[in-house]
Amino acid sequence: MYKLSLFIVALALFTSCGKKENATEDFSTTGASTEKSADPATYDPNRGLGKFTTVDLGANLDAAMAAEGEKIQSVKCSACHKLTDEKLVGPGWKGVTSRNKPEWIMNFITNPDPMIDKDPKVQAMLELCLLRMPNQSLSDTDARNVLEFMRKNDGVK
């Protein structure tokens, strides 16, 4: 009975997390390509599945973007992810930007379901965490801000 109750609570948490937004921003002015390429036949393990083929990061952290990303993280991500390398529900975020290319991160956080189904790194995380990451319906801009916060968390100045 306890396990069933825990499952129901977890299911309710994951289905209610985050507000749904329309992800239609044109990101081309900030250096990210929005070319559609979610076809599994074109799978690239460095890029993942999704529309981001390149994400140009500046050498320095964009503090305003990171601050916006931190706000989003506190609302939509912190219930499952710690900022350290410690697992909570999902894996910790420490070092995520050094382990994955920015295109892969952007594609995963904006398009988790196909990535969970296809990407070996995500499948390995799923085996450890036992729960699929829910689609938070992040806009492209919100996802880019979260990525910048991840960079800040990893020590980019």
N, C-alpha and C. Protein backbone atom coordinates (compact mmCIF):
# COMPACT_ATOMS: atom_id res chain seq x y z
N MET A 1 0.83 -1.19 0.00
CA MET A 1 0.00 0.00 0.00
C MET A 1 0.88 1.26 0.00
N TYR A 2 1.96 1.22 0.79
CA TYR A 2 2.86 2.37 0.87
C TYR A 2 3.46 2.69 -0.49
N LYS A 3 3.90 1.65 -1.22
CA LYS A 3 4.51 1.86 -2.53
C LYS A 3 3.51 2.43 -3.52
N LEU A 4 2.27 1.97 -3.46
CA LEU A 4 1.23 2.49 -4.34
C LEU A 4 0.97 3.96 -4.04
N SER A 5 0.91 4.31 -2.77
CA SER A 5 0.70 5.72 -2.39
C SER A 5 1.85 6.59 -2.86
N LEU A 6 3.07 6.10 -2.69
CA LEU A 6 4.25 6.84 -3.13
C LEU A 6 4.22 7.04 -4.64
N PHE A 7 3.85 6.00 -5.37
CA PHE A 7 3.76 6.09 -6.83
C PHE A 7 2.73 7.13 -7.25
N ILE A 8 1.57 7.14 -6.61
CA ILE A 8 0.51 8.09 -6.95
C ILE A 8 0.97 9.52 -6.68
N VAL A 9 1.64 9.74 -5.56
CA VAL A 9 2.15 11.08 -5.23
C VAL A 9 3.20 11.51 -6.27
N ALA A 10 4.12 10.60 -6.61
CA ALA A 10 5.15 10.92 -7.60
C ALA A 10 4.52 11.22 -8.95
N LEU A 11 3.53 10.44 -9.35
CA LEU A 11 2.86 10.66 -10.62
C LEU A 11 2.16 12.02 -10.64
N ALA A 12 1.50 12.36 -9.56
CA ALA A 12 0.83 13.66 -9.47
C ALA A 12 1.84 14.80 -9.55
N LEU A 13 2.97 14.64 -8.87
CA LEU A 13 4.00 15.66 -8.89
C LEU A 13 4.51 15.89 -10.31
N PHE A 14 4.82 14.81 -11.01
CA PHE A 14 5.40 14.94 -12.34
C PHE A 14 4.41 15.42 -13.38
N THR A 15 3.15 15.10 -13.22
CA THR A 15 2.18 15.56 -14.22
C THR A 15 1.76 16.99 -13.96
N SER A 16 2.00 17.50 -12.76
CA SER A 16 1.60 18.86 -12.46
C SER A 16 2.75 19.84 -12.48
N CYS A 17 3.99 19.37 -12.61
CA CYS A 17 5.15 20.25 -12.57
C CYS A 17 5.16 21.18 -13.76
N GLY A 18 5.41 22.44 -13.50
CA GLY A 18 5.66 23.40 -14.57
C GLY A 18 4.41 23.88 -15.26
N LYS A 19 4.52 25.06 -15.81
CA LYS A 19 3.43 25.64 -16.56
C LYS A 19 3.70 25.42 -18.03
N LYS A 20 2.67 25.12 -18.78
CA LYS A 20 2.81 24.87 -20.20
C LYS A 20 2.96 26.21 -20.93
N GLU A 21 3.93 26.25 -21.81
CA GLU A 21 4.18 27.46 -22.58
C GLU A 21 4.32 27.10 -24.04
N ASN A 22 4.12 28.07 -24.88
CA ASN A 22 4.28 27.87 -26.31
C ASN A 22 5.74 28.08 -26.66
N ALA A 23 6.39 27.06 -27.18
CA ALA A 23 7.82 27.12 -27.50
C ALA A 23 8.02 27.50 -28.95
N THR A 24 7.74 28.75 -29.28
CA THR A 24 7.84 29.17 -30.68
C THR A 24 8.88 30.24 -30.91
N GLU A 25 9.69 30.57 -29.93
CA GLU A 25 10.67 31.62 -30.11
C GLU A 25 11.65 31.29 -31.23
N ASP A 26 12.05 32.30 -31.99
CA ASP A 26 13.09 32.14 -32.99
C ASP A 26 14.40 32.44 -32.31
N PHE A 27 15.25 31.46 -32.22
CA PHE A 27 16.48 31.57 -31.46
C PHE A 27 17.67 31.93 -32.34
N SER A 28 17.44 32.17 -33.62
CA SER A 28 18.54 32.37 -34.55
C SER A 28 19.36 33.62 -34.22
N THR A 29 18.78 34.59 -33.55
CA THR A 29 19.53 35.80 -33.24
C THR A 29 20.51 35.60 -32.09
N THR A 30 20.38 34.49 -31.35
CA THR A 30 21.30 34.25 -30.25
C THR A 30 22.29 33.14 -30.57
N GLY A 31 22.37 32.74 -31.81
CA GLY A 31 23.39 31.79 -32.21
C GLY A 31 22.98 30.35 -32.20
N ALA A 32 21.70 30.05 -31.99
CA ALA A 32 21.26 28.65 -32.01
C ALA A 32 20.42 28.42 -33.25
N SER A 33 20.70 27.33 -33.93
CA SER A 33 19.92 26.98 -35.09
C SER A 33 18.64 26.30 -34.65
N THR A 34 17.52 26.63 -35.29
CA THR A 34 16.26 26.01 -34.95
C THR A 34 15.78 25.09 -36.06
N GLU A 35 16.71 24.60 -36.87
CA GLU A 35 16.36 23.67 -37.93
C GLU A 35 15.76 22.41 -37.32
N LYS A 36 14.61 21.97 -37.85
CA LYS A 36 13.95 20.77 -37.34
C LYS A 36 14.72 19.54 -37.81
N SER A 37 15.07 18.67 -36.87
CA SER A 37 15.77 17.44 -37.23
C SER A 37 15.56 16.36 -36.17
N ALA A 38 14.32 16.13 -35.79
CA ALA A 38 14.03 15.14 -34.76
C ALA A 38 13.88 13.73 -35.33
N ASP A 39 14.19 13.52 -36.59
CA ASP A 39 14.11 12.21 -37.23
C ASP A 39 15.16 11.28 -36.63
N PRO A 40 14.75 10.14 -36.06
CA PRO A 40 15.73 9.23 -35.46
C PRO A 40 16.80 8.75 -36.43
N ALA A 41 16.53 8.78 -37.72
CA ALA A 41 17.54 8.35 -38.70
C ALA A 41 18.73 9.30 -38.71
N THR A 42 18.56 10.52 -38.24
CA THR A 42 19.64 11.50 -38.23
C THR A 42 20.22 11.67 -36.83
N TYR A 43 20.06 10.66 -35.99
CA TYR A 43 20.52 10.74 -34.61
C TYR A 43 22.02 10.97 -34.52
N ASP A 44 22.40 11.93 -33.72
CA ASP A 44 23.80 12.25 -33.45
C ASP A 44 23.96 12.26 -31.93
N PRO A 45 24.75 11.34 -31.36
CA PRO A 45 24.87 11.26 -29.90
C PRO A 45 25.48 12.50 -29.25
N ASN A 46 26.17 13.33 -30.02
CA ASN A 46 26.70 14.57 -29.47
C ASN A 46 25.67 15.68 -29.45
N ARG A 47 24.68 15.58 -30.31
CA ARG A 47 23.66 16.60 -30.44
C ARG A 47 22.33 16.13 -29.89
N GLY A 48 22.08 14.82 -29.94
CA GLY A 48 20.80 14.29 -29.51
C GLY A 48 19.74 14.46 -30.57
N LEU A 49 18.49 14.38 -30.17
CA LEU A 49 17.36 14.54 -31.09
C LEU A 49 16.64 15.84 -30.77
N GLY A 50 16.41 16.63 -31.78
CA GLY A 50 15.71 17.89 -31.59
C GLY A 50 16.15 18.90 -32.62
N LYS A 51 15.68 20.09 -32.45
CA LYS A 51 15.90 21.12 -33.47
C LYS A 51 17.21 21.87 -33.33
N PHE A 52 17.91 21.71 -32.21
CA PHE A 52 19.13 22.48 -32.01
C PHE A 52 20.33 21.76 -32.62
N THR A 53 20.87 22.34 -33.65
CA THR A 53 22.05 21.76 -34.31
C THR A 53 23.32 22.45 -33.85
N THR A 54 23.23 23.71 -33.51
CA THR A 54 24.35 24.46 -32.93
C THR A 54 23.83 25.43 -31.88
N VAL A 55 24.54 25.52 -30.80
CA VAL A 55 24.25 26.52 -29.77
C VAL A 55 25.57 27.19 -29.48
N ASP A 56 25.69 28.43 -29.87
CA ASP A 56 26.92 29.18 -29.67
C ASP A 56 26.89 29.85 -28.30
N LEU A 57 27.80 29.42 -27.46
CA LEU A 57 27.92 29.99 -26.12
C LEU A 57 29.02 31.03 -26.13
N GLY A 58 28.83 32.09 -25.42
CA GLY A 58 29.90 33.07 -25.29
C GLY A 58 30.99 32.52 -24.38
N ALA A 59 32.16 33.09 -24.48
CA ALA A 59 33.27 32.67 -23.61
C ALA A 59 32.96 32.99 -22.16
N ASN A 60 32.22 34.06 -21.94
CA ASN A 60 31.86 34.47 -20.59
C ASN A 60 30.39 34.20 -20.33
N LEU A 61 30.06 34.05 -19.09
CA LEU A 61 28.70 33.81 -18.66
C LEU A 61 27.84 35.05 -18.90
N ASP A 62 26.62 34.85 -19.36
CA ASP A 62 25.64 35.93 -19.45
C ASP A 62 24.86 35.92 -18.14
N ALA A 63 25.20 36.85 -17.25
CA ALA A 63 24.64 36.85 -15.90
C ALA A 63 23.13 37.02 -15.90
N ALA A 64 22.59 37.84 -16.80
CA ALA A 64 21.14 38.05 -16.85
C ALA A 64 20.42 36.77 -17.25
N MET A 65 20.96 36.08 -18.25
CA MET A 65 20.36 34.81 -18.67
C MET A 65 20.45 33.78 -17.55
N ALA A 66 21.58 33.71 -16.88
CA ALA A 66 21.76 32.76 -15.79
C ALA A 66 20.79 33.05 -14.65
N ALA A 67 20.54 34.32 -14.36
CA ALA A 67 19.59 34.68 -13.31
C ALA A 67 18.18 34.23 -13.68
N GLU A 68 17.80 34.42 -14.93
CA GLU A 68 16.49 33.94 -15.40
C GLU A 68 16.43 32.42 -15.33
N GLY A 69 17.51 31.77 -15.72
CA GLY A 69 17.57 30.31 -15.67
C GLY A 69 17.45 29.78 -14.25
N GLU A 70 18.04 30.49 -13.31
CA GLU A 70 17.96 30.08 -11.90
C GLU A 70 16.51 30.14 -11.42
N LYS A 71 15.76 31.16 -11.84
CA LYS A 71 14.35 31.26 -11.46
C LYS A 71 13.57 30.07 -12.01
N ILE A 72 13.82 29.73 -13.28
CA ILE A 72 13.13 28.61 -13.90
C ILE A 72 13.51 27.31 -13.20
N GLN A 73 14.80 27.14 -12.92
CA GLN A 73 15.28 25.94 -12.24
C GLN A 73 14.60 25.77 -10.90
N SER A 74 14.44 26.87 -10.16
CA SER A 74 13.85 26.75 -8.83
C SER A 74 12.39 26.34 -8.87
N VAL A 75 11.70 26.66 -9.96
CA VAL A 75 10.29 26.30 -10.09
C VAL A 75 10.09 24.95 -10.76
N LYS A 76 10.85 24.67 -11.81
CA LYS A 76 10.57 23.49 -12.64
C LYS A 76 11.56 22.34 -12.48
N CYS A 77 12.70 22.58 -11.89
CA CYS A 77 13.75 21.55 -11.89
C CYS A 77 14.19 21.10 -10.51
N SER A 78 14.12 22.00 -9.54
CA SER A 78 14.73 21.73 -8.23
C SER A 78 14.05 20.61 -7.44
N ALA A 79 12.81 20.28 -7.77
CA ALA A 79 12.15 19.19 -7.06
C ALA A 79 12.80 17.84 -7.37
N CYS A 80 13.48 17.75 -8.51
CA CYS A 80 14.07 16.48 -8.93
C CYS A 80 15.59 16.51 -9.05
N HIS A 81 16.19 17.69 -9.20
CA HIS A 81 17.63 17.79 -9.45
C HIS A 81 18.31 18.68 -8.42
N LYS A 82 19.39 18.16 -7.83
CA LYS A 82 20.24 18.98 -6.96
C LYS A 82 21.29 19.66 -7.83
N LEU A 83 21.87 20.73 -7.32
CA LEU A 83 22.91 21.46 -8.05
C LEU A 83 24.29 20.83 -7.84
N THR A 84 24.37 19.84 -6.99
CA THR A 84 25.61 19.11 -6.75
C THR A 84 25.64 17.89 -7.68
N ASP A 85 26.57 16.98 -7.45
CA ASP A 85 26.59 15.75 -8.24
C ASP A 85 25.72 14.66 -7.61
N GLU A 86 25.03 15.00 -6.53
CA GLU A 86 24.19 14.04 -5.82
C GLU A 86 22.84 13.86 -6.52
N LYS A 87 22.42 12.61 -6.65
CA LYS A 87 21.13 12.27 -7.24
C LYS A 87 20.03 12.59 -6.24
N LEU A 88 18.94 13.17 -6.72
CA LEU A 88 17.73 13.35 -5.92
C LEU A 88 16.72 12.37 -6.52
N VAL A 89 15.82 12.84 -7.33
CA VAL A 89 14.98 11.96 -8.15
C VAL A 89 15.71 11.74 -9.47
N GLY A 90 16.20 12.84 -10.03
CA GLY A 90 17.02 12.77 -11.22
C GLY A 90 18.47 13.04 -10.85
N PRO A 91 19.36 12.95 -11.82
CA PRO A 91 20.78 13.15 -11.54
C PRO A 91 21.09 14.59 -11.14
N GLY A 92 22.15 14.76 -10.36
CA GLY A 92 22.60 16.09 -9.99
C GLY A 92 23.15 16.83 -11.20
N TRP A 93 23.15 18.15 -11.14
CA TRP A 93 23.55 18.97 -12.28
C TRP A 93 25.03 19.30 -12.33
N LYS A 94 25.76 19.08 -11.26
CA LYS A 94 27.17 19.47 -11.24
C LYS A 94 27.93 18.77 -12.37
N GLY A 95 28.61 19.55 -13.20
CA GLY A 95 29.41 19.01 -14.29
C GLY A 95 28.65 18.68 -15.56
N VAL A 96 27.35 18.94 -15.58
CA VAL A 96 26.56 18.56 -16.75
C VAL A 96 27.03 19.26 -18.03
N THR A 97 27.50 20.50 -17.91
CA THR A 97 27.93 21.22 -19.12
C THR A 97 29.30 20.78 -19.60
N SER A 98 30.06 20.11 -18.76
CA SER A 98 31.34 19.57 -19.22
C SER A 98 31.18 18.15 -19.79
N ARG A 99 30.11 17.47 -19.40
CA ARG A 99 29.87 16.11 -19.90
C ARG A 99 29.07 16.07 -21.19
N ASN A 100 28.32 17.15 -21.48
CA ASN A 100 27.43 17.17 -22.64
C ASN A 100 27.59 18.46 -23.42
N LYS A 101 27.43 18.35 -24.71
CA LYS A 101 27.48 19.53 -25.58
C LYS A 101 26.22 20.37 -25.36
N PRO A 102 26.30 21.67 -25.58
CA PRO A 102 25.12 22.52 -25.36
C PRO A 102 23.93 22.11 -26.22
N GLU A 103 24.18 21.64 -27.43
CA GLU A 103 23.08 21.20 -28.31
C GLU A 103 22.35 20.01 -27.70
N TRP A 104 23.12 19.08 -27.12
CA TRP A 104 22.52 17.91 -26.49
C TRP A 104 21.66 18.34 -25.31
N ILE A 105 22.16 19.25 -24.49
CA ILE A 105 21.41 19.72 -23.32
C ILE A 105 20.13 20.41 -23.76
N MET A 106 20.23 21.31 -24.73
CA MET A 106 19.05 22.03 -25.21
C MET A 106 18.03 21.07 -25.80
N ASN A 107 18.49 20.11 -26.59
CA ASN A 107 17.56 19.15 -27.18
C ASN A 107 16.90 18.28 -26.12
N PHE A 108 17.66 17.90 -25.10
CA PHE A 108 17.07 17.05 -24.06
C PHE A 108 16.05 17.79 -23.23
N ILE A 109 16.36 19.01 -22.81
CA ILE A 109 15.41 19.70 -21.91
C ILE A 109 14.19 20.24 -22.65
N THR A 110 14.28 20.39 -23.98
CA THR A 110 13.11 20.83 -24.74
C THR A 110 12.38 19.67 -25.40
N ASN A 111 13.00 18.50 -25.47
CA ASN A 111 12.48 17.38 -26.24
C ASN A 111 12.84 16.06 -25.55
N PRO A 112 12.45 15.88 -24.27
CA PRO A 112 12.97 14.73 -23.52
C PRO A 112 12.48 13.37 -24.00
N ASP A 113 11.25 13.26 -24.44
CA ASP A 113 10.70 11.94 -24.76
C ASP A 113 11.46 11.20 -25.86
N PRO A 114 11.71 11.81 -27.02
CA PRO A 114 12.51 11.09 -28.03
C PRO A 114 13.94 10.82 -27.57
N MET A 115 14.49 11.71 -26.78
CA MET A 115 15.85 11.50 -26.27
C MET A 115 15.86 10.30 -25.31
N ILE A 116 14.85 10.18 -24.46
CA ILE A 116 14.78 9.05 -23.53
C ILE A 116 14.68 7.75 -24.32
N ASP A 117 13.94 7.76 -25.41
CA ASP A 117 13.74 6.56 -26.21
C ASP A 117 14.96 6.16 -27.02
N LYS A 118 15.83 7.12 -27.36
CA LYS A 118 16.91 6.85 -28.30
C LYS A 118 18.32 7.00 -27.74
N ASP A 119 18.55 7.95 -26.87
CA ASP A 119 19.91 8.31 -26.45
C ASP A 119 20.45 7.35 -25.39
N PRO A 120 21.61 6.73 -25.64
CA PRO A 120 22.18 5.78 -24.66
C PRO A 120 22.51 6.43 -23.31
N LYS A 121 22.98 7.69 -23.30
CA LYS A 121 23.30 8.35 -22.03
C LYS A 121 22.03 8.54 -21.20
N VAL A 122 20.95 8.95 -21.87
CA VAL A 122 19.70 9.17 -21.15
C VAL A 122 19.13 7.84 -20.66
N GLN A 123 19.24 6.81 -21.49
CA GLN A 123 18.75 5.50 -21.07
C GLN A 123 19.52 4.98 -19.86
N ALA A 124 20.82 5.25 -19.81
CA ALA A 124 21.62 4.84 -18.64
C ALA A 124 21.16 5.61 -17.40
N MET A 125 20.87 6.90 -17.56
CA MET A 125 20.37 7.70 -16.43
C MET A 125 19.01 7.16 -15.97
N LEU A 126 18.18 6.77 -16.93
CA LEU A 126 16.86 6.23 -16.59
C LEU A 126 16.99 4.95 -15.78
N GLU A 127 17.96 4.13 -16.09
CA GLU A 127 18.19 2.90 -15.32
C GLU A 127 18.57 3.21 -13.87
N LEU A 128 19.31 4.30 -13.67
CA LEU A 128 19.71 4.69 -12.31
C LEU A 128 18.59 5.39 -11.56
N CYS A 129 17.86 6.24 -12.27
CA CYS A 129 16.85 7.08 -11.61
C CYS A 129 15.46 6.45 -11.57
N LEU A 130 15.18 5.56 -12.52
CA LEU A 130 13.94 4.80 -12.59
C LEU A 130 12.70 5.62 -12.94
N LEU A 131 12.84 6.89 -13.21
CA LEU A 131 11.72 7.73 -13.62
C LEU A 131 12.11 8.54 -14.85
N ARG A 132 11.20 8.63 -15.80
CA ARG A 132 11.42 9.44 -16.99
C ARG A 132 11.31 10.92 -16.62
N MET A 133 12.17 11.73 -17.22
CA MET A 133 12.05 13.16 -17.01
C MET A 133 10.78 13.64 -17.72
N PRO A 134 9.93 14.37 -17.01
CA PRO A 134 8.72 14.88 -17.67
C PRO A 134 9.07 16.05 -18.58
N ASN A 135 8.29 16.20 -19.62
CA ASN A 135 8.47 17.34 -20.50
C ASN A 135 7.91 18.56 -19.79
N GLN A 136 8.76 19.52 -19.49
CA GLN A 136 8.36 20.74 -18.79
C GLN A 136 7.84 21.81 -19.74
N SER A 137 7.81 21.52 -21.03
CA SER A 137 7.32 22.46 -22.04
C SER A 137 8.04 23.80 -21.96
N LEU A 138 9.36 23.73 -21.81
CA LEU A 138 10.15 24.96 -21.77
C LEU A 138 10.19 25.60 -23.14
N SER A 139 10.09 26.89 -23.18
CA SER A 139 10.30 27.62 -24.43
C SER A 139 11.79 27.55 -24.76
N ASP A 140 12.13 27.85 -25.99
CA ASP A 140 13.54 27.86 -26.39
C ASP A 140 14.33 28.85 -25.53
N THR A 141 13.75 30.00 -25.29
CA THR A 141 14.42 31.02 -24.48
C THR A 141 14.61 30.54 -23.05
N ASP A 142 13.57 29.95 -22.47
CA ASP A 142 13.70 29.43 -21.10
C ASP A 142 14.76 28.34 -21.03
N ALA A 143 14.78 27.46 -22.02
CA ALA A 143 15.78 26.39 -22.05
C ALA A 143 17.19 26.97 -22.14
N ARG A 144 17.35 27.98 -22.97
CA ARG A 144 18.68 28.60 -23.11
C ARG A 144 19.10 29.27 -21.81
N ASN A 145 18.14 29.89 -21.11
CA ASN A 145 18.44 30.50 -19.82
C ASN A 145 18.83 29.43 -18.79
N VAL A 146 18.15 28.31 -18.79
CA VAL A 146 18.50 27.21 -17.89
C VAL A 146 19.90 26.70 -18.20
N LEU A 147 20.21 26.56 -19.49
CA LEU A 147 21.56 26.14 -19.88
C LEU A 147 22.60 27.13 -19.35
N GLU A 148 22.33 28.41 -19.43
CA GLU A 148 23.28 29.40 -18.92
C GLU A 148 23.42 29.28 -17.40
N PHE A 149 22.32 28.98 -16.70
CA PHE A 149 22.41 28.75 -15.26
C PHE A 149 23.23 27.49 -14.97
N MET A 150 23.07 26.45 -15.79
CA MET A 150 23.88 25.24 -15.62
C MET A 150 25.36 25.57 -15.78
N ARG A 151 25.69 26.43 -16.74
CA ARG A 151 27.08 26.86 -16.92
C ARG A 151 27.58 27.58 -15.68
N LYS A 152 26.74 28.46 -15.12
CA LYS A 152 27.12 29.17 -13.90
C LYS A 152 27.34 28.17 -12.77
N ASN A 153 26.46 27.20 -12.65
CA ASN A 153 26.58 26.17 -11.61
C ASN A 153 27.89 25.38 -11.77
N ASP A 154 28.36 25.26 -13.01
CA ASP A 154 29.60 24.54 -13.28
C ASP A 154 30.84 25.44 -13.22
N GLY A 155 30.66 26.70 -12.82
CA GLY A 155 31.81 27.56 -12.57
C GLY A 155 32.22 28.47 -13.71
N VAL A 156 31.43 28.55 -14.78
CA VAL A 156 31.76 29.49 -15.87
C VAL A 156 31.56 30.90 -15.33
N LYS A 157 32.50 31.76 -15.60
CA LYS A 157 32.43 33.15 -15.13
C LYS A 157 32.20 34.09 -16.28
